[in-house]
């Protein structure tokens, strides 16, 4: 057990020292992840925003408040790396474009995700947040777009659930798809509760 934790610590050190995309990051590299080999729940998000880049804290904003409400957990649970792992598609803030933040840098997922997933030995539930994560892990097998994949939650392979981004800007999507809160959120909370109760080894 101690050996696997030490191995994970070395991987985290590598991730936090990564500068592969440095020349393409307007604010410079600052990889932001939350990881522990015992985490039973994994959030595959998009990329840190500017606030997270400055603070080093993922989802410390209204999007995070909504995501925690969707999951039915508080901040203490959410920021406990032995319970919740957070692995963005792009680990660093990608900069600003004409219509908001730029897409996640494409280098991170193929470089780091397989190595991280291979070490999450207690993983029970993976939440794919937004179209970049959904497209990478599920493609278009379960829907032609994000909405179609989220709506097909009953068919998604374990351990995945697909979710829209919890940004306040997605209010119109939630208004247009009331089934999400009525049908899927209770399932999400049940699965989060069951995964957390699975009792991963936190040493």
C-alpha atoms as a PDB file:
ATOM      1  CA  UNK A   1       0.000   0.000   0.000  1.00  0.00           C
ATOM      2  CA  UNK A   2       2.740   2.445   0.973  1.00  0.00           C
ATOM      3  CA  UNK A   3       4.480   1.688  -2.294  1.00  0.00           C
ATOM      4  CA  UNK A   4       1.408   2.612  -4.365  1.00  0.00           C
ATOM      5  CA  UNK A   5       0.957   5.876  -2.466  1.00  0.00           C
ATOM      6  CA  UNK A   6       4.609   6.740  -3.043  1.00  0.00           C
ATOM      7  CA  UNK A   7       4.204   5.905  -6.727  1.00  0.00           C
ATOM      8  CA  UNK A   8       1.147   8.182  -6.905  1.00  0.00           C
ATOM      9  CA  UNK A   9       3.052  10.969  -5.151  1.00  0.00           C
ATOM     10  CA  UNK A  10       5.769  10.749  -7.808  1.00  0.00           C
ATOM     11  CA  UNK A  11       3.149  10.937 -10.544  1.00  0.00           C
ATOM     12  CA  UNK A  12       1.568  14.000  -8.918  1.00  0.00           C
ATOM     13  CA  UNK A  13       4.954  15.677  -8.721  1.00  0.00           C
ATOM     14  CA  UNK A  14       5.469  15.023 -12.441  1.00  0.00           C
ATOM     15  CA  UNK A  15       2.052  16.458 -13.271  1.00  0.00           C
ATOM     16  CA  UNK A  16       2.568  19.595 -11.209  1.00  0.00           C
ATOM     17  CA  UNK A  17       5.954  20.194 -12.834  1.00  0.00           C
ATOM     18  CA  UNK A  18       4.601  19.709 -16.367  1.00  0.00           C
ATOM     19  CA  UNK A  19       5.404  22.488 -18.835  1.00  0.00           C
ATOM     20  CA  UNK A  20       4.610  20.726 -22.131  1.00  0.00           C
ATOM     21  CA  UNK A  21       2.136  23.459 -23.167  1.00  0.00           C
ATOM     22  CA  UNK A  22       3.961  26.405 -21.575  1.00  0.00           C
ATOM     23  CA  UNK A  23       4.483  28.254 -24.845  1.00  0.00           C
ATOM     24  CA  UNK A  24       0.725  28.050 -25.607  1.00  0.00           C
ATOM     25  CA  UNK A  25      -0.608  29.117 -22.210  1.00  0.00           C
ATOM     26  CA  UNK A  26      -1.077  32.899 -21.906  1.00  0.00           C
ATOM     27  CA  UNK A  27      -1.057  32.757 -18.090  1.00  0.00           C
ATOM     28  CA  UNK A  28       1.690  30.145 -17.922  1.00  0.00           C
ATOM     29  CA  UNK A  29       1.474  26.547 -16.717  1.00  0.00           C
ATOM     30  CA  UNK A  30      -0.198  25.737 -13.407  1.00  0.00           C
ATOM     31  CA  UNK A  31      -1.583  22.194 -13.531  1.00  0.00           C
ATOM     32  CA  UNK A  32      -4.590  21.866 -11.215  1.00  0.00           C
ATOM     33  CA  UNK A  33      -5.700  18.384 -10.237  1.00  0.00           C
ATOM     34  CA  UNK A  34      -7.025  16.712  -7.097  1.00  0.00           C
ATOM     35  CA  UNK A  35      -5.984  13.072  -6.934  1.00  0.00           C
ATOM     36  CA  UNK A  36      -5.503  10.172  -4.551  1.00  0.00           C
ATOM     37  CA  UNK A  37      -5.368   6.452  -5.389  1.00  0.00           C
ATOM     38  CA  UNK A  38      -8.186   5.689  -2.913  1.00  0.00           C
ATOM     39  CA  UNK A  39     -10.739   8.116  -4.410  1.00  0.00           C
ATOM     40  CA  UNK A  40     -13.942   6.245  -5.382  1.00  0.00           C
ATOM     41  CA  UNK A  41     -15.397   9.177  -7.382  1.00  0.00           C
ATOM     42  CA  UNK A  42     -13.645  10.816 -10.323  1.00  0.00           C
ATOM     43  CA  UNK A  43     -14.683  14.081 -11.953  1.00  0.00           C
ATOM     44  CA  UNK A  44     -13.354  14.529 -15.488  1.00  0.00           C
ATOM     45  CA  UNK A  45     -13.917  18.232 -16.033  1.00  0.00           C
ATOM     46  CA  UNK A  46     -13.010  20.688 -18.790  1.00  0.00           C
ATOM     47  CA  UNK A  47     -10.120  22.956 -17.717  1.00  0.00           C
ATOM     48  CA  UNK A  48      -9.465  25.348 -14.849  1.00  0.00           C
ATOM     49  CA  UNK A  49     -10.816  28.871 -15.212  1.00  0.00           C
ATOM     50  CA  UNK A  50      -8.865  31.994 -14.408  1.00  0.00           C
ATOM     51  CA  UNK A  51     -10.067  32.023 -10.774  1.00  0.00           C
ATOM     52  CA  UNK A  52      -8.842  28.452 -10.279  1.00  0.00           C
ATOM     53  CA  UNK A  53      -5.555  29.321 -11.987  1.00  0.00           C
ATOM     54  CA  UNK A  54      -5.036  32.115  -9.475  1.00  0.00           C
ATOM     55  CA  UNK A  55      -6.113  30.186  -6.372  1.00  0.00           C
ATOM     56  CA  UNK A  56      -5.111  26.644  -7.291  1.00  0.00           C
ATOM     57  CA  UNK A  57      -8.543  25.417  -6.119  1.00  0.00           C
ATOM     58  CA  UNK A  58     -10.774  23.667  -8.681  1.00  0.00           C
ATOM     59  CA  UNK A  59     -14.479  24.502  -8.840  1.00  0.00           C
ATOM     60  CA  UNK A  60     -14.241  27.205  -6.173  1.00  0.00           C
ATOM     61  CA  UNK A  61     -16.944  29.242  -7.921  1.00  0.00           C
ATOM     62  CA  UNK A  62     -20.678  29.164  -8.723  1.00  0.00           C
ATOM     63  CA  UNK A  63     -20.098  26.211 -11.085  1.00  0.00           C
ATOM     64  CA  UNK A  64     -18.639  24.284  -8.174  1.00  0.00           C
ATOM     65  CA  UNK A  65     -21.552  25.191  -5.925  1.00  0.00           C
ATOM     66  CA  UNK A  66     -23.990  23.846  -8.507  1.00  0.00           C
ATOM     67  CA  UNK A  67     -21.926  20.699  -9.093  1.00  0.00           C
ATOM     68  CA  UNK A  68     -21.789  19.949  -5.364  1.00  0.00           C
ATOM     69  CA  UNK A  69     -25.561  20.475  -5.144  1.00  0.00           C
ATOM     70  CA  UNK A  70     -26.059  18.080  -8.056  1.00  0.00           C
ATOM     71  CA  UNK A  71     -23.882  15.487  -6.332  1.00  0.00           C
ATOM     72  CA  UNK A  72     -25.473  16.027  -2.909  1.00  0.00           C
ATOM     73  CA  UNK A  73     -22.175  16.632  -1.092  1.00  0.00           C
ATOM     74  CA  UNK A  74     -20.609  19.519   0.808  1.00  0.00           C
ATOM     75  CA  UNK A  75     -17.284  21.294   0.330  1.00  0.00           C
ATOM     76  CA  UNK A  76     -15.531  19.172   2.944  1.00  0.00           C
ATOM     77  CA  UNK A  77     -16.332  15.992   1.057  1.00  0.00           C
ATOM     78  CA  UNK A  78     -15.727  17.559  -2.352  1.00  0.00           C
ATOM     79  CA  UNK A  79     -12.219  18.739  -1.483  1.00  0.00           C
ATOM     80  CA  UNK A  80     -11.162  15.505   0.205  1.00  0.00           C
ATOM     81  CA  UNK A  81      -8.883  13.875  -2.399  1.00  0.00           C
ATOM     82  CA  UNK A  82      -9.352  10.445  -0.835  1.00  0.00           C
ATOM     83  CA  UNK A  83     -13.039  10.703  -1.735  1.00  0.00           C
ATOM     84  CA  UNK A  84     -13.265  12.908  -4.842  1.00  0.00           C
ATOM     85  CA  UNK A  85     -10.626  12.978  -7.583  1.00  0.00           C
ATOM     86  CA  UNK A  86     -10.665  15.831 -10.122  1.00  0.00           C
ATOM     87  CA  UNK A  87      -8.890  15.296 -13.443  1.00  0.00           C
ATOM     88  CA  UNK A  88      -9.594  17.959 -16.093  1.00  0.00           C
ATOM     89  CA  UNK A  89      -9.250  17.361 -19.802  1.00  0.00           C
ATOM     90  CA  UNK A  90      -6.711  20.169 -19.713  1.00  0.00           C
ATOM     91  CA  UNK A  91      -4.849  20.686 -16.444  1.00  0.00           C
ATOM     92  CA  UNK A  92      -3.988  24.368 -16.960  1.00  0.00           C
ATOM     93  CA  UNK A  93      -6.020  27.492 -17.659  1.00  0.00           C
ATOM     94  CA  UNK A  94      -6.069  27.693 -21.477  1.00  0.00           C
ATOM     95  CA  UNK A  95      -6.651  31.423 -21.792  1.00  0.00           C
ATOM     96  CA  UNK A  96      -9.532  33.508 -23.037  1.00  0.00           C
ATOM     97  CA  UNK A  97     -11.136  33.474 -26.469  1.00  0.00           C
ATOM     98  CA  UNK A  98     -13.802  35.615 -28.120  1.00  0.00           C
ATOM     99  CA  UNK A  99     -16.691  33.687 -26.545  1.00  0.00           C
ATOM    100  CA  UNK A 100     -15.193  32.632 -23.223  1.00  0.00           C
ATOM    101  CA  UNK A 101     -12.362  30.386 -22.133  1.00  0.00           C
ATOM    102  CA  UNK A 102     -10.503  28.535 -24.866  1.00  0.00           C
ATOM    103  CA  UNK A 103     -10.899  24.747 -25.169  1.00  0.00           C
ATOM    104  CA  UNK A 104      -8.724  22.536 -22.970  1.00  0.00           C
ATOM    105  CA  UNK A 105      -5.246  21.963 -24.333  1.00  0.00           C
ATOM    106  CA  UNK A 106      -5.283  18.632 -26.223  1.00  0.00           C
ATOM    107  CA  UNK A 107      -1.932  17.432 -24.874  1.00  0.00           C
ATOM    108  CA  UNK A 108      -3.017  16.642 -21.297  1.00  0.00           C
ATOM    109  CA  UNK A 109      -5.485  13.790 -21.701  1.00  0.00           C
ATOM    110  CA  UNK A 110      -3.316  11.437 -23.796  1.00  0.00           C
ATOM    111  CA  UNK A 111      -0.231  12.304 -21.770  1.00  0.00           C
ATOM    112  CA  UNK A 112      -1.617  11.918 -18.242  1.00  0.00           C
ATOM    113  CA  UNK A 113      -5.091  10.369 -18.111  1.00  0.00           C
ATOM    114  CA  UNK A 114      -4.092   6.737 -18.752  1.00  0.00           C
ATOM    115  CA  UNK A 115      -1.421   6.887 -16.068  1.00  0.00           C
ATOM    116  CA  UNK A 116      -3.858   8.380 -13.553  1.00  0.00           C
ATOM    117  CA  UNK A 117      -6.711   5.989 -14.331  1.00  0.00           C
ATOM    118  CA  UNK A 118      -4.417   2.990 -13.973  1.00  0.00           C
ATOM    119  CA  UNK A 119      -3.721   4.042 -10.383  1.00  0.00           C
ATOM    120  CA  UNK A 120      -7.281   4.872  -9.236  1.00  0.00           C
ATOM    121  CA  UNK A 121      -7.722   1.400  -7.770  1.00  0.00           C
ATOM    122  CA  UNK A 122     -10.919   2.248  -5.808  1.00  0.00           C
ATOM    123  CA  UNK A 123     -12.786   4.004  -8.638  1.00  0.00           C
ATOM    124  CA  UNK A 124     -16.537   3.332  -8.551  1.00  0.00           C
ATOM    125  CA  UNK A 125     -18.033   6.336 -10.370  1.00  0.00           C
ATOM    126  CA  UNK A 126     -16.730   8.658 -13.069  1.00  0.00           C
ATOM    127  CA  UNK A 127     -18.512  11.913 -13.939  1.00  0.00           C
ATOM    128  CA  UNK A 128     -17.827  13.306 -17.406  1.00  0.00           C
ATOM    129  CA  UNK A 129     -18.483  17.048 -17.239  1.00  0.00           C
ATOM    130  CA  UNK A 130     -19.171  18.778 -20.543  1.00  0.00           C
ATOM    131  CA  UNK A 131     -18.669  17.904 -24.179  1.00  0.00           C
ATOM    132  CA  UNK A 132     -14.880  17.635 -24.232  1.00  0.00           C
ATOM    133  CA  UNK A 133     -14.808  14.943 -21.549  1.00  0.00           C
ATOM    134  CA  UNK A 134     -17.836  13.153 -23.008  1.00  0.00           C
ATOM    135  CA  UNK A 135     -16.405  13.162 -26.526  1.00  0.00           C
ATOM    136  CA  UNK A 136     -13.016  11.878 -25.343  1.00  0.00           C
ATOM    137  CA  UNK A 137     -14.351   8.986 -23.271  1.00  0.00           C
ATOM    138  CA  UNK A 138     -17.615   8.074 -25.001  1.00  0.00           C
ATOM    139  CA  UNK A 139     -17.415   9.540 -28.481  1.00  0.00           C
ATOM    140  CA  UNK A 140     -20.808   9.631 -30.198  1.00  0.00           C
ATOM    141  CA  UNK A 141     -21.821   6.050 -29.417  1.00  0.00           C
ATOM    142  CA  UNK A 142     -24.644   7.106 -27.095  1.00  0.00           C
ATOM    143  CA  UNK A 143     -25.776  10.358 -28.691  1.00  0.00           C
ATOM    144  CA  UNK A 144     -24.869  12.704 -31.527  1.00  0.00           C
ATOM    145  CA  UNK A 145     -24.203  15.529 -29.067  1.00  0.00           C
ATOM    146  CA  UNK A 146     -23.799  16.143 -25.331  1.00  0.00           C
ATOM    147  CA  UNK A 147     -27.536  16.320 -24.714  1.00  0.00           C
ATOM    148  CA  UNK A 148     -28.108  12.978 -26.428  1.00  0.00           C
ATOM    149  CA  UNK A 149     -25.391  11.288 -24.395  1.00  0.00           C
ATOM    150  CA  UNK A 150     -26.608  12.746 -21.089  1.00  0.00           C
ATOM    151  CA  UNK A 151     -30.138  11.604 -21.947  1.00  0.00           C
ATOM    152  CA  UNK A 152     -28.872   8.054 -22.549  1.00  0.00           C
ATOM    153  CA  UNK A 153     -27.508   7.748 -19.025  1.00  0.00           C
ATOM    154  CA  UNK A 154     -29.085   4.301 -18.593  1.00  0.00           C
ATOM    155  CA  UNK A 155     -26.940   2.890 -21.425  1.00  0.00           C
ATOM    156  CA  UNK A 156     -23.573   4.383 -20.463  1.00  0.00           C
ATOM    157  CA  UNK A 157     -20.847   1.892 -19.527  1.00  0.00           C
ATOM    158  CA  UNK A 158     -19.668   1.682 -15.937  1.00  0.00           C
ATOM    159  CA  UNK A 159     -18.311   3.729 -14.251  1.00  0.00           C
ATOM    160  CA  UNK A 160     -19.446   6.708 -16.343  1.00  0.00           C
ATOM    161  CA  UNK A 161     -22.232   9.260 -16.108  1.00  0.00           C
ATOM    162  CA  UNK A 162     -22.306  12.222 -18.495  1.00  0.00           C
ATOM    163  CA  UNK A 163     -23.328  15.665 -17.239  1.00  0.00           C
ATOM    164  CA  UNK A 164     -23.624  19.143 -18.740  1.00  0.00           C
ATOM    165  CA  UNK A 165     -21.259  21.765 -17.429  1.00  0.00           C
ATOM    166  CA  UNK A 166     -22.654  23.219 -14.179  1.00  0.00           C
ATOM    167  CA  UNK A 167     -21.869  26.797 -15.227  1.00  0.00           C
ATOM    168  CA  UNK A 168     -24.607  29.354 -14.469  1.00  0.00           C
ATOM    169  CA  UNK A 169     -24.489  30.092 -18.205  1.00  0.00           C
ATOM    170  CA  UNK A 170     -26.118  26.692 -18.762  1.00  0.00           C
ATOM    171  CA  UNK A 171     -29.348  27.778 -17.089  1.00  0.00           C
ATOM    172  CA  UNK A 172     -31.218  27.801 -20.434  1.00  0.00           C
ATOM    173  CA  UNK A 173     -30.140  24.185 -21.081  1.00  0.00           C
ATOM    174  CA  UNK A 174     -31.498  23.123 -17.694  1.00  0.00           C
ATOM    175  CA  UNK A 175     -34.755  24.980 -18.343  1.00  0.00           C
ATOM    176  CA  UNK A 176     -35.096  23.246 -21.715  1.00  0.00           C
ATOM    177  CA  UNK A 177     -34.409  19.768 -20.315  1.00  0.00           C
ATOM    178  CA  UNK A 178     -36.366  19.400 -17.041  1.00  0.00           C
ATOM    179  CA  UNK A 179     -35.854  15.613 -17.129  1.00  0.00           C
ATOM    180  CA  UNK A 180     -32.242  16.202 -16.102  1.00  0.00           C
ATOM    181  CA  UNK A 181     -33.152  17.430 -12.619  1.00  0.00           C
ATOM    182  CA  UNK A 182     -36.242  15.244 -12.318  1.00  0.00           C
ATOM    183  CA  UNK A 183     -34.785  11.906 -13.490  1.00  0.00           C
ATOM    184  CA  UNK A 184     -30.999  12.010 -13.580  1.00  0.00           C
ATOM    185  CA  UNK A 185     -30.036  14.036 -10.502  1.00  0.00           C
ATOM    186  CA  UNK A 186     -31.617  11.544  -8.050  1.00  0.00           C
ATOM    187  CA  UNK A 187     -29.681   8.761  -9.779  1.00  0.00           C
ATOM    188  CA  UNK A 188     -26.474  10.803  -9.652  1.00  0.00           C
ATOM    189  CA  UNK A 189     -26.866  11.427  -5.912  1.00  0.00           C
ATOM    190  CA  UNK A 190     -27.603   7.777  -5.242  1.00  0.00           C
ATOM    191  CA  UNK A 191     -24.523   6.693  -7.188  1.00  0.00           C
ATOM    192  CA  UNK A 192     -22.311   9.254  -5.471  1.00  0.00           C
ATOM    193  CA  UNK A 193     -23.590   8.130  -2.072  1.00  0.00           C
ATOM    194  CA  UNK A 194     -23.024   4.455  -2.931  1.00  0.00           C
ATOM    195  CA  UNK A 195     -19.525   5.097  -4.278  1.00  0.00           C
ATOM    196  CA  UNK A 196     -18.497   7.074  -1.215  1.00  0.00           C
ATOM    197  CA  UNK A 197     -19.908   4.363   1.048  1.00  0.00           C
ATOM    198  CA  UNK A 198     -17.774   1.762  -0.694  1.00  0.00           C
ATOM    199  CA  UNK A 199     -15.038   2.644   1.791  1.00  0.00           C
ATOM    200  CA  UNK A 200     -11.824   3.043  -0.169  1.00  0.00           C
ATOM    201  CA  UNK A 201      -8.582   2.650   1.767  1.00  0.00           C
ATOM    202  CA  UNK A 202      -7.570   6.191   2.733  1.00  0.00           C
ATOM    203  CA  UNK A 203      -4.119   5.503   4.068  1.00  0.00           C
END
